[in-house]
PDB file of N, CA and C in Angstrom:
ATOM      1  N   UNK A   1       0.607  -5.874  -2.489  1.00  0.00           N
ATOM      2  CA  UNK A   1      -0.718  -7.211  -2.675  1.00  0.00           C
ATOM      3  C   UNK A   1      -0.135  -8.091  -3.239  1.00  0.00           C
ATOM      4  N   UNK A   2      -0.713  -9.329  -2.707  1.00  0.00           N
ATOM      5  CA  UNK A   2      -0.176 -10.400  -2.680  1.00  0.00           C
ATOM      6  C   UNK A   2      -0.883 -10.759  -3.921  1.00  0.00           C
ATOM      7  N   UNK A   3      -0.402 -11.611  -4.944  1.00  0.00           N
ATOM      8  CA  UNK A   3      -1.370 -12.430  -5.588  1.00  0.00           C
ATOM      9  C   UNK A   3      -1.839 -13.330  -5.379  1.00  0.00           C
ATOM     10  N   UNK A   4      -1.228 -14.219  -4.404  1.00  0.00           N
ATOM     11  CA  UNK A   4      -1.624 -15.593  -3.751  1.00  0.00           C
ATOM     12  C   UNK A   4      -3.269 -15.042  -3.160  1.00  0.00           C
ATOM     13  N   UNK A   5      -3.107 -14.065  -1.994  1.00  0.00           N
ATOM     14  CA  UNK A   5      -4.112 -13.737  -1.823  1.00  0.00           C
ATOM     15  C   UNK A   5      -5.299 -13.336  -2.563  1.00  0.00           C
ATOM     16  N   UNK A   6      -5.336 -12.329  -3.602  1.00  0.00           N
ATOM     17  CA  UNK A   6      -6.225 -12.255  -4.338  1.00  0.00           C
ATOM     18  C   UNK A   6      -6.753 -13.716  -5.122  1.00  0.00           C
ATOM     19  N   UNK A   7      -5.686 -14.516  -5.107  1.00  0.00           N
ATOM     20  CA  UNK A   7      -6.407 -15.806  -5.818  1.00  0.00           C
ATOM     21  C   UNK A   7      -7.098 -16.619  -4.987  1.00  0.00           C
ATOM     22  N   UNK A   8      -6.531 -16.545  -3.696  1.00  0.00           N
ATOM     23  CA  UNK A   8      -7.633 -17.117  -2.534  1.00  0.00           C
ATOM     24  C   UNK A   8      -8.748 -16.579  -2.194  1.00  0.00           C
ATOM     25  N   UNK A   9      -8.815 -15.194  -2.692  1.00  0.00           N
ATOM     26  CA  UNK A   9     -10.323 -14.895  -2.448  1.00  0.00           C
ATOM     27  C   UNK A   9     -11.212 -14.705  -3.768  1.00  0.00           C
ATOM     28  N   UNK A  10     -10.707 -14.703  -4.650  1.00  0.00           N
ATOM     29  CA  UNK A  10     -11.668 -15.090  -6.040  1.00  0.00           C
ATOM     30  C   UNK A  10     -12.050 -16.625  -5.950  1.00  0.00           C
ATOM     31  N   UNK A  11     -11.000 -17.882  -5.691  1.00  0.00           N
ATOM     32  CA  UNK A  11     -11.227 -18.912  -5.637  1.00  0.00           C
ATOM     33  C   UNK A  11     -12.149 -19.132  -4.445  1.00  0.00           C
ATOM     34  N   UNK A  12     -12.541 -18.943  -3.275  1.00  0.00           N
ATOM     35  CA  UNK A  12     -13.239 -18.410  -2.408  1.00  0.00           C
ATOM     36  C   UNK A  12     -14.659 -18.215  -2.826  1.00  0.00           C
ATOM     37  N   UNK A  13     -14.486 -16.832  -3.638  1.00  0.00           N
ATOM     38  CA  UNK A  13     -16.003 -16.433  -4.227  1.00  0.00           C
ATOM     39  C   UNK A  13     -16.649 -17.501  -4.997  1.00  0.00           C
ATOM     40  N   UNK A  14     -15.637 -18.030  -5.942  1.00  0.00           N
ATOM     41  CA  UNK A  14     -16.290 -18.955  -6.782  1.00  0.00           C
ATOM     42  C   UNK A  14     -16.740 -20.141  -5.860  1.00  0.00           C
ATOM     43  N   UNK A  15     -16.274 -20.762  -5.028  1.00  0.00           N
ATOM     44  CA  UNK A  15     -16.613 -21.580  -4.182  1.00  0.00           C
ATOM     45  C   UNK A  15     -17.728 -21.515  -3.343  1.00  0.00           C
ATOM     46  N   UNK A  16     -17.803 -20.742  -2.804  1.00  0.00           N
ATOM     47  CA  UNK A  16     -18.742 -20.228  -1.755  1.00  0.00           C
ATOM     48  C   UNK A  16     -19.785 -19.277  -1.825  1.00  0.00           C
ATOM     49  N   UNK A  17     -20.754 -19.339  -2.105  1.00  0.00           N
ATOM     50  CA  UNK A  17     -22.139 -18.520  -2.948  1.00  0.00           C
ATOM     51  C   UNK A  17     -21.949 -17.078  -1.781  1.00  0.00           C
ATOM     52  N   UNK A  18     -22.228 -17.795  -0.497  1.00  0.00           N
ATOM     53  CA  UNK A  18     -22.737 -17.020   0.981  1.00  0.00           C
ATOM     54  C   UNK A  18     -21.092 -15.823   0.959  1.00  0.00           C
ATOM     55  N   UNK A  19     -20.018 -16.197   0.472  1.00  0.00           N
ATOM     56  CA  UNK A  19     -18.957 -15.251   0.812  1.00  0.00           C
ATOM     57  C   UNK A  19     -18.960 -14.365  -0.457  1.00  0.00           C
ATOM     58  N   UNK A  20     -19.177 -14.660  -1.645  1.00  0.00           N
ATOM     59  CA  UNK A  20     -19.266 -13.899  -3.004  1.00  0.00           C
ATOM     60  C   UNK A  20     -20.495 -13.077  -2.431  1.00  0.00           C
ATOM     61  N   UNK A  21     -21.646 -13.464  -2.132  1.00  0.00           N
ATOM     62  CA  UNK A  21     -22.830 -12.453  -2.425  1.00  0.00           C
ATOM     63  C   UNK A  21     -22.200 -11.385  -1.227  1.00  0.00           C
ATOM     64  N   UNK A  22     -21.393 -11.619  -0.232  1.00  0.00           N
ATOM     65  CA  UNK A  22     -21.237 -11.041   0.986  1.00  0.00           C
ATOM     66  C   UNK A  22     -20.084  -9.982   0.728  1.00  0.00           C
ATOM     67  N   UNK A  23     -19.295 -10.570  -0.194  1.00  0.00           N
ATOM     68  CA  UNK A  23     -18.257  -9.675  -1.014  1.00  0.00           C
ATOM     69  C   UNK A  23     -18.675  -8.609  -2.087  1.00  0.00           C
ATOM     70  N   UNK A  24     -19.943  -8.784  -2.803  1.00  0.00           N
ATOM     71  CA  UNK A  24     -20.672  -8.196  -3.761  1.00  0.00           C
ATOM     72  C   UNK A  24     -21.568  -7.094  -3.245  1.00  0.00           C
ATOM     73  N   UNK A  25     -22.400  -7.580  -1.999  1.00  0.00           N
ATOM     74  CA  UNK A  25     -22.807  -6.513  -1.393  1.00  0.00           C
ATOM     75  C   UNK A  25     -22.563  -5.682  -0.515  1.00  0.00           C
ATOM     76  N   UNK A  26     -21.424  -5.853  -0.201  1.00  0.00           N
ATOM     77  CA  UNK A  26     -20.468  -4.776   0.751  1.00  0.00           C
ATOM     78  C   UNK A  26     -20.524  -5.285   2.098  1.00  0.00           C
ATOM     79  N   UNK A  27     -20.849  -6.492   2.209  1.00  0.00           N
ATOM     80  CA  UNK A  27     -20.653  -7.028   3.987  1.00  0.00           C
ATOM     81  C   UNK A  27     -19.270  -7.383   3.685  1.00  0.00           C
ATOM     82  N   UNK A  28     -18.211  -6.821   3.530  1.00  0.00           N
ATOM     83  CA  UNK A  28     -16.831  -7.046   3.640  1.00  0.00           C
ATOM     84  C   UNK A  28     -16.217  -7.558   4.878  1.00  0.00           C
ATOM     85  N   UNK A  29     -16.593  -6.971   5.733  1.00  0.00           N
ATOM     86  CA  UNK A  29     -15.911  -7.417   7.139  1.00  0.00           C
ATOM     87  C   UNK A  29     -16.460  -8.958   7.661  1.00  0.00           C
ATOM     88  N   UNK A  30     -17.510  -9.148   7.091  1.00  0.00           N
ATOM     89  CA  UNK A  30     -18.327 -10.349   7.266  1.00  0.00           C
ATOM     90  C   UNK A  30     -17.569 -11.500   6.389  1.00  0.00           C
ATOM     91  N   UNK A  31     -17.444 -10.982   5.170  1.00  0.00           N
ATOM     92  CA  UNK A  31     -16.628 -12.138   4.399  1.00  0.00           C
ATOM     93  C   UNK A  31     -15.386 -12.307   4.453  1.00  0.00           C
ATOM     94  N   UNK A  32     -14.600 -11.122   5.203  1.00  0.00           N
ATOM     95  CA  UNK A  32     -13.062 -11.690   5.330  1.00  0.00           C
ATOM     96  C   UNK A  32     -12.622 -11.860   6.622  1.00  0.00           C
ATOM     97  N   UNK A  33     -13.875 -12.577   7.634  1.00  0.00           N
ATOM     98  CA  UNK A  33     -13.761 -12.914   8.686  1.00  0.00           C
ATOM     99  C   UNK A  33     -12.877 -14.188   8.264  1.00  0.00           C
ATOM    100  N   UNK A  34     -12.732 -15.223   7.136  1.00  0.00           N
ATOM    101  CA  UNK A  34     -12.134 -16.191   6.766  1.00  0.00           C
ATOM    102  C   UNK A  34     -10.881 -16.261   5.966  1.00  0.00           C
ATOM    103  N   UNK A  35     -10.503 -15.115   6.127  1.00  0.00           N
ATOM    104  CA  UNK A  35      -9.211 -14.674   5.229  1.00  0.00           C
ATOM    105  C   UNK A  35      -8.095 -14.121   6.455  1.00  0.00           C
ATOM    106  N   UNK A  36      -7.065 -14.260   6.306  1.00  0.00           N
ATOM    107  CA  UNK A  36      -5.808 -13.697   6.637  1.00  0.00           C
ATOM    108  C   UNK A  36      -5.458 -12.393   5.775  1.00  0.00           C
ATOM    109  N   UNK A  37      -6.062 -11.288   6.304  1.00  0.00           N
ATOM    110  CA  UNK A  37      -5.647 -10.175   5.249  1.00  0.00           C
ATOM    111  C   UNK A  37      -4.842  -9.254   5.894  1.00  0.00           C
ATOM    112  N   UNK A  38      -3.924  -8.750   5.517  1.00  0.00           N
ATOM    113  CA  UNK A  38      -3.254  -7.124   5.668  1.00  0.00           C
ATOM    114  C   UNK A  38      -3.719  -5.860   5.702  1.00  0.00           C
ATOM    115  N   UNK A  39      -3.413  -5.063   6.342  1.00  0.00           N
ATOM    116  CA  UNK A  39      -4.368  -3.859   6.090  1.00  0.00           C
ATOM    117  C   UNK A  39      -4.464  -3.077   4.604  1.00  0.00           C
ATOM    118  N   UNK A  40      -3.223  -3.429   3.985  1.00  0.00           N
ATOM    119  CA  UNK A  40      -3.243  -3.010   2.744  1.00  0.00           C
ATOM    120  C   UNK A  40      -4.192  -3.751   1.737  1.00  0.00           C
ATOM    121  N   UNK A  41      -4.620  -5.164   1.699  1.00  0.00           N
ATOM    122  CA  UNK A  41      -5.226  -5.683   1.291  1.00  0.00           C
ATOM    123  C   UNK A  41      -6.492  -5.664   1.629  1.00  0.00           C
ATOM    124  N   UNK A  42      -7.001  -5.800   2.832  1.00  0.00           N
ATOM    125  CA  UNK A  42      -8.347  -5.426   3.443  1.00  0.00           C
ATOM    126  C   UNK A  42      -8.722  -4.248   2.653  1.00  0.00           C
ATOM    127  N   UNK A  43      -7.806  -3.074   2.894  1.00  0.00           N
ATOM    128  CA  UNK A  43      -8.135  -1.572   2.332  1.00  0.00           C
ATOM    129  C   UNK A  43      -8.840  -1.481   0.681  1.00  0.00           C
ATOM    130  N   UNK A  44      -7.953  -2.346   0.292  1.00  0.00           N
ATOM    131  CA  UNK A  44      -7.983  -2.438  -1.282  1.00  0.00           C
ATOM    132  C   UNK A  44      -9.160  -3.001  -1.918  1.00  0.00           C
ATOM    133  N   UNK A  45      -9.298  -4.158  -0.989  1.00  0.00           N
ATOM    134  CA  UNK A  45     -10.414  -5.113  -1.320  1.00  0.00           C
ATOM    135  C   UNK A  45     -11.898  -4.460  -0.950  1.00  0.00           C
ATOM    136  N   UNK A  46     -11.568  -3.656   0.301  1.00  0.00           N
ATOM    137  CA  UNK A  46     -12.877  -2.927   0.469  1.00  0.00           C
ATOM    138  C   UNK A  46     -13.437  -2.062  -0.481  1.00  0.00           C
ATOM    139  N   UNK A  47     -12.502  -1.337  -1.269  1.00  0.00           N
ATOM    140  CA  UNK A  47     -12.484  -0.063  -2.294  1.00  0.00           C
ATOM    141  C   UNK A  47     -13.151  -0.584  -3.310  1.00  0.00           C
ATOM    142  N   UNK A  48     -13.270  -2.200  -3.713  1.00  0.00           N
ATOM    143  CA  UNK A  48     -14.213  -2.475  -5.380  1.00  0.00           C
ATOM    144  C   UNK A  48     -15.466  -2.413  -4.849  1.00  0.00           C
ATOM    145  N   UNK A  49     -15.945  -2.061  -5.561  1.00  0.00           N
ATOM    146  CA  UNK A  49     -17.543  -2.216  -6.070  1.00  0.00           C
ATOM    147  C   UNK A  49     -17.632  -2.741  -7.213  1.00  0.00           C
ATOM    148  N   UNK A  50     -18.305  -4.133  -7.134  1.00  0.00           N
ATOM    149  CA  UNK A  50     -18.858  -4.842  -8.208  1.00  0.00           C
ATOM    150  C   UNK A  50     -20.148  -5.328  -8.585  1.00  0.00           C
ATOM    151  N   UNK A  51     -20.802  -5.482  -9.350  1.00  0.00           N
ATOM    152  CA  UNK A  51     -22.082  -6.141  -9.116  1.00  0.00           C
ATOM    153  C   UNK A  51     -22.103  -7.276  -9.526  1.00  0.00           C
ATOM    154  N   UNK A  52     -20.890  -8.173  -9.924  1.00  0.00           N
ATOM    155  CA  UNK A  52     -20.925  -9.513 -10.313  1.00  0.00           C
ATOM    156  C   UNK A  52     -19.695  -9.926 -10.105  1.00  0.00           C
ATOM    157  N   UNK A  53     -19.169 -11.260  -9.810  1.00  0.00           N
ATOM    158  CA  UNK A  53     -17.941 -11.528  -9.817  1.00  0.00           C
ATOM    159  C   UNK A  53     -17.093 -11.398 -11.024  1.00  0.00           C
ATOM    160  N   UNK A  54     -17.507 -11.361 -12.276  1.00  0.00           N
ATOM    161  CA  UNK A  54     -16.537 -10.868 -13.386  1.00  0.00           C
ATOM    162  C   UNK A  54     -16.290  -9.875 -13.240  1.00  0.00           C
ATOM    163  N   UNK A  55     -16.960  -8.609 -12.573  1.00  0.00           N
ATOM    164  CA  UNK A  55     -16.681  -7.430 -12.681  1.00  0.00           C
ATOM    165  C   UNK A  55     -15.389  -7.320 -11.643  1.00  0.00           C
ATOM    166  N   UNK A  56     -15.805  -7.804 -10.262  1.00  0.00           N
ATOM    167  CA  UNK A  56     -14.814  -7.880  -9.566  1.00  0.00           C
ATOM    168  C   UNK A  56     -13.633  -8.353  -9.732  1.00  0.00           C
ATOM    169  N   UNK A  57     -13.352  -9.364 -10.267  1.00  0.00           N
ATOM    170  CA  UNK A  57     -12.213 -10.038 -10.841  1.00  0.00           C
ATOM    171  C   UNK A  57     -11.579  -9.112 -11.766  1.00  0.00           C
ATOM    172  N   UNK A  58     -12.273  -8.334 -12.903  1.00  0.00           N
ATOM    173  CA  UNK A  58     -12.007  -7.741 -13.778  1.00  0.00           C
ATOM    174  C   UNK A  58     -11.096  -6.248 -13.130  1.00  0.00           C
ATOM    175  N   UNK A  59     -11.675  -5.631 -12.002  1.00  0.00           N
ATOM    176  CA  UNK A  59     -10.969  -4.744 -11.032  1.00  0.00           C
ATOM    177  C   UNK A  59      -9.787  -5.534 -10.585  1.00  0.00           C
ATOM    178  N   UNK A  60      -9.646  -6.392  -9.714  1.00  0.00           N
ATOM    179  CA  UNK A  60      -8.526  -7.330  -9.456  1.00  0.00           C
ATOM    180  C   UNK A  60      -7.412  -7.255 -10.563  1.00  0.00           C
ATOM    181  N   UNK A  61      -7.572  -7.829 -11.637  1.00  0.00           N
ATOM    182  CA  UNK A  61      -6.816  -8.234 -12.516  1.00  0.00           C
ATOM    183  C   UNK A  61      -6.215  -6.370 -12.923  1.00  0.00           C
ATOM    184  N   UNK A  62      -6.960  -5.356 -13.016  1.00  0.00           N
ATOM    185  CA  UNK A  62      -6.471  -3.853 -13.289  1.00  0.00           C
ATOM    186  C   UNK A  62      -5.494  -3.529 -12.332  1.00  0.00           C
ATOM    187  N   UNK A  63      -5.930  -3.831 -10.876  1.00  0.00           N
ATOM    188  CA  UNK A  63      -5.109  -3.609  -9.830  1.00  0.00           C
ATOM    189  C   UNK A  63      -3.662  -4.099  -9.980  1.00  0.00           C
ATOM    190  N   UNK A  64      -3.640  -5.455 -10.408  1.00  0.00           N
ATOM    191  CA  UNK A  64      -2.512  -6.329 -10.613  1.00  0.00           C
ATOM    192  C   UNK A  64      -1.695  -5.634 -11.675  1.00  0.00           C
ATOM    193  N   UNK A  65      -2.241  -5.397 -12.456  1.00  0.00           N
ATOM    194  CA  UNK A  65      -1.736  -4.768 -13.766  1.00  0.00           C
ATOM    195  C   UNK A  65      -1.057  -3.277 -13.244  1.00  0.00           C
ATOM    196  N   UNK A  66      -1.833  -2.823 -12.574  1.00  0.00           N
ATOM    197  CA  UNK A  66      -1.258  -1.543 -12.547  1.00  0.00           C
ATOM    198  C   UNK A  66       0.220  -1.567 -11.491  1.00  0.00           C
ATOM    199  N   UNK A  67      -0.100  -2.623 -10.582  1.00  0.00           N
ATOM    200  CA  UNK A  67       1.173  -2.856  -9.524  1.00  0.00           C
ATOM    201  C   UNK A  67       2.401  -3.517 -10.329  1.00  0.00           C
ATOM    202  N   UNK A  68       2.208  -4.494 -11.227  1.00  0.00           N
ATOM    203  CA  UNK A  68       3.069  -4.817 -12.379  1.00  0.00           C
ATOM    204  C   UNK A  68       3.925  -3.813 -12.825  1.00  0.00           C
ATOM    205  N   UNK A  69       2.929  -3.149 -13.971  1.00  0.00           N
ATOM    206  CA  UNK A  69       3.533  -2.623 -15.033  1.00  0.00           C
ATOM    207  C   UNK A  69       3.417  -0.747 -14.846  1.00  0.00           C
ATOM    208  N   UNK A  70       3.045  -0.498 -13.833  1.00  0.00           N
ATOM    209  CA  UNK A  70       2.508   1.164 -13.562  1.00  0.00           C
ATOM    210  C   UNK A  70       1.690   1.509 -14.271  1.00  0.00           C
ATOM    211  N   UNK A  71       1.072   0.895 -15.388  1.00  0.00           N
ATOM    212  CA  UNK A  71      -0.004   1.462 -16.308  1.00  0.00           C
ATOM    213  C   UNK A  71      -0.942   1.776 -15.512  1.00  0.00           C
ATOM    214  N   UNK A  72      -1.841   2.889 -15.681  1.00  0.00           N
ATOM    215  CA  UNK A  72      -3.074   3.188 -15.249  1.00  0.00           C
ATOM    216  C   UNK A  72      -4.155   2.676 -15.856  1.00  0.00           C
ATOM    217  N   UNK A  73      -5.102   1.648 -15.574  1.00  0.00           N
ATOM    218  CA  UNK A  73      -6.352   1.203 -16.317  1.00  0.00           C
ATOM    219  C   UNK A  73      -7.080   2.126 -16.922  1.00  0.00           C
ATOM    220  N   UNK A  74      -7.496   1.871 -18.017  1.00  0.00           N
ATOM    221  CA  UNK A  74      -8.405   2.712 -18.395  1.00  0.00           C
ATOM    222  C   UNK A  74      -9.773   2.210 -18.908  1.00  0.00           C
ATOM    223  N   UNK A  75     -10.684   3.287 -18.278  1.00  0.00           N
ATOM    224  CA  UNK A  75     -12.062   2.899 -18.109  1.00  0.00           C
ATOM    225  C   UNK A  75     -12.940   3.737 -19.319  1.00  0.00           C
ATOM    226  N   UNK A  76     -13.502   2.879 -19.731  1.00  0.00           N
ATOM    227  CA  UNK A  76     -14.604   3.515 -21.019  1.00  0.00           C
ATOM    228  C   UNK A  76     -15.688   4.410 -20.037  1.00  0.00           C
ATOM    229  N   UNK A  77     -15.851   5.715 -20.712  1.00  0.00           N
ATOM    230  CA  UNK A  77     -16.981   6.409 -19.702  1.00  0.00           C
ATOM    231  C   UNK A  77     -17.835   6.558 -21.255  1.00  0.00           C
ATOM    232  N   UNK A  78     -18.952   6.934 -20.779  1.00  0.00           N
ATOM    233  CA  UNK A  78     -20.398   7.411 -21.780  1.00  0.00           C
ATOM    234  C   UNK A  78     -19.886   8.576 -22.612  1.00  0.00           C
ATOM    235  N   UNK A  79     -20.361   8.501 -23.720  1.00  0.00           N
ATOM    236  CA  UNK A  79     -19.704   9.416 -24.983  1.00  0.00           C
ATOM    237  C   UNK A  79     -18.086   9.104 -25.336  1.00  0.00           C
ATOM    238  N   UNK A  80     -18.264   7.871 -25.244  1.00  0.00           N
ATOM    239  CA  UNK A  80     -16.728   7.400 -25.863  1.00  0.00           C
ATOM    240  C   UNK A  80     -15.458   7.643 -25.120  1.00  0.00           C
ATOM    241  N   UNK A  81     -15.569   8.706 -23.856  1.00  0.00           N
ATOM    242  CA  UNK A  81     -14.495   8.994 -23.258  1.00  0.00           C
ATOM    243  C   UNK A  81     -13.767   8.073 -22.306  1.00  0.00           C
ATOM    244  N   UNK A  82     -12.571   8.361 -22.044  1.00  0.00           N
ATOM    245  CA  UNK A  82     -12.128   7.478 -21.208  1.00  0.00           C
ATOM    246  C   UNK A  82     -11.296   7.984 -19.985  1.00  0.00           C
ATOM    247  N   UNK A  83     -11.185   7.268 -18.905  1.00  0.00           N
ATOM    248  CA  UNK A  83     -10.580   8.087 -17.681  1.00  0.00           C
ATOM    249  C   UNK A  83      -9.761   6.702 -17.340  1.00  0.00           C
ATOM    250  N   UNK A  84      -8.617   7.467 -16.451  1.00  0.00           N
ATOM    251  CA  UNK A  84      -7.494   6.700 -15.903  1.00  0.00           C
ATOM    252  C   UNK A  84      -7.749   6.506 -14.593  1.00  0.00           C
ATOM    253  N   UNK A  85      -7.846   5.330 -13.933  1.00  0.00           N
ATOM    254  CA  UNK A  85      -8.366   5.047 -12.556  1.00  0.00           C
ATOM    255  C   UNK A  85      -7.927   3.879 -11.976  1.00  0.00           C
ATOM    256  N   UNK A  86      -7.008   3.793 -11.318  1.00  0.00           N
ATOM    257  CA  UNK A  86      -6.416   2.386 -10.732  1.00  0.00           C
ATOM    258  C   UNK A  86      -7.507   1.363  -9.997  1.00  0.00           C
ATOM    259  N   UNK A  87      -8.379   2.003  -9.428  1.00  0.00           N
ATOM    260  CA  UNK A  87      -9.409   1.075  -8.564  1.00  0.00           C
ATOM    261  C   UNK A  87     -10.788   1.972  -8.684  1.00  0.00           C
ATOM    262  N   UNK A  88     -11.099   2.384 -10.144  1.00  0.00           N
ATOM    263  CA  UNK A  88     -12.543   2.598 -10.708  1.00  0.00           C
ATOM    264  C   UNK A  88     -13.367   1.352  -9.906  1.00  0.00           C
ATOM    265  N   UNK A  89     -14.632   1.724 -10.115  1.00  0.00           N
ATOM    266  CA  UNK A  89     -15.516   0.726  -9.956  1.00  0.00           C
ATOM    267  C   UNK A  89     -16.071   0.112 -11.326  1.00  0.00           C
ATOM    268  N   UNK A  90     -15.690  -0.570 -11.966  1.00  0.00           N
ATOM    269  CA  UNK A  90     -16.179  -0.786 -13.287  1.00  0.00           C
ATOM    270  C   UNK A  90     -17.396  -1.808 -13.209  1.00  0.00           C
ATOM    271  N   UNK A  91     -18.328  -1.147 -14.110  1.00  0.00           N
ATOM    272  CA  UNK A  91     -19.601  -1.712 -13.980  1.00  0.00           C
ATOM    273  C   UNK A  91     -20.571  -2.033 -12.502  1.00  0.00           C
ATOM    274  N   UNK A  92     -20.028  -1.035 -11.920  1.00  0.00           N
ATOM    275  CA  UNK A  92     -20.508  -1.048 -10.448  1.00  0.00           C
ATOM    276  C   UNK A  92     -22.049  -0.146 -10.779  1.00  0.00           C
ATOM    277  N   UNK A  93     -23.576  -0.397  -9.789  1.00  0.00           N
ATOM    278  CA  UNK A  93     -24.039   0.713 -10.107  1.00  0.00           C
ATOM    279  C   UNK A  93     -23.982   1.417  -9.506  1.00  0.00           C
TER     280      UNK A  93
END
């Protein structure tokens, strides 16, 4: 996964309300038309489920951390439990 590509996705989401809404409401194909994504990038981004840009960015950060360190991001669950999941939908409804 290319950091520059992920940076471009986040930057575009910050600057373009329509792109951001398409990204967050599941209209990925429409959102991705503006980008040159390889299959891995497309699949990874399509699997992110977020209800806010902050949550989306947090998931991207977790993915990058996993790729750099091999550490699995920890997600807090109800009841104080934790779950290791590299591509979990943090904060998604």
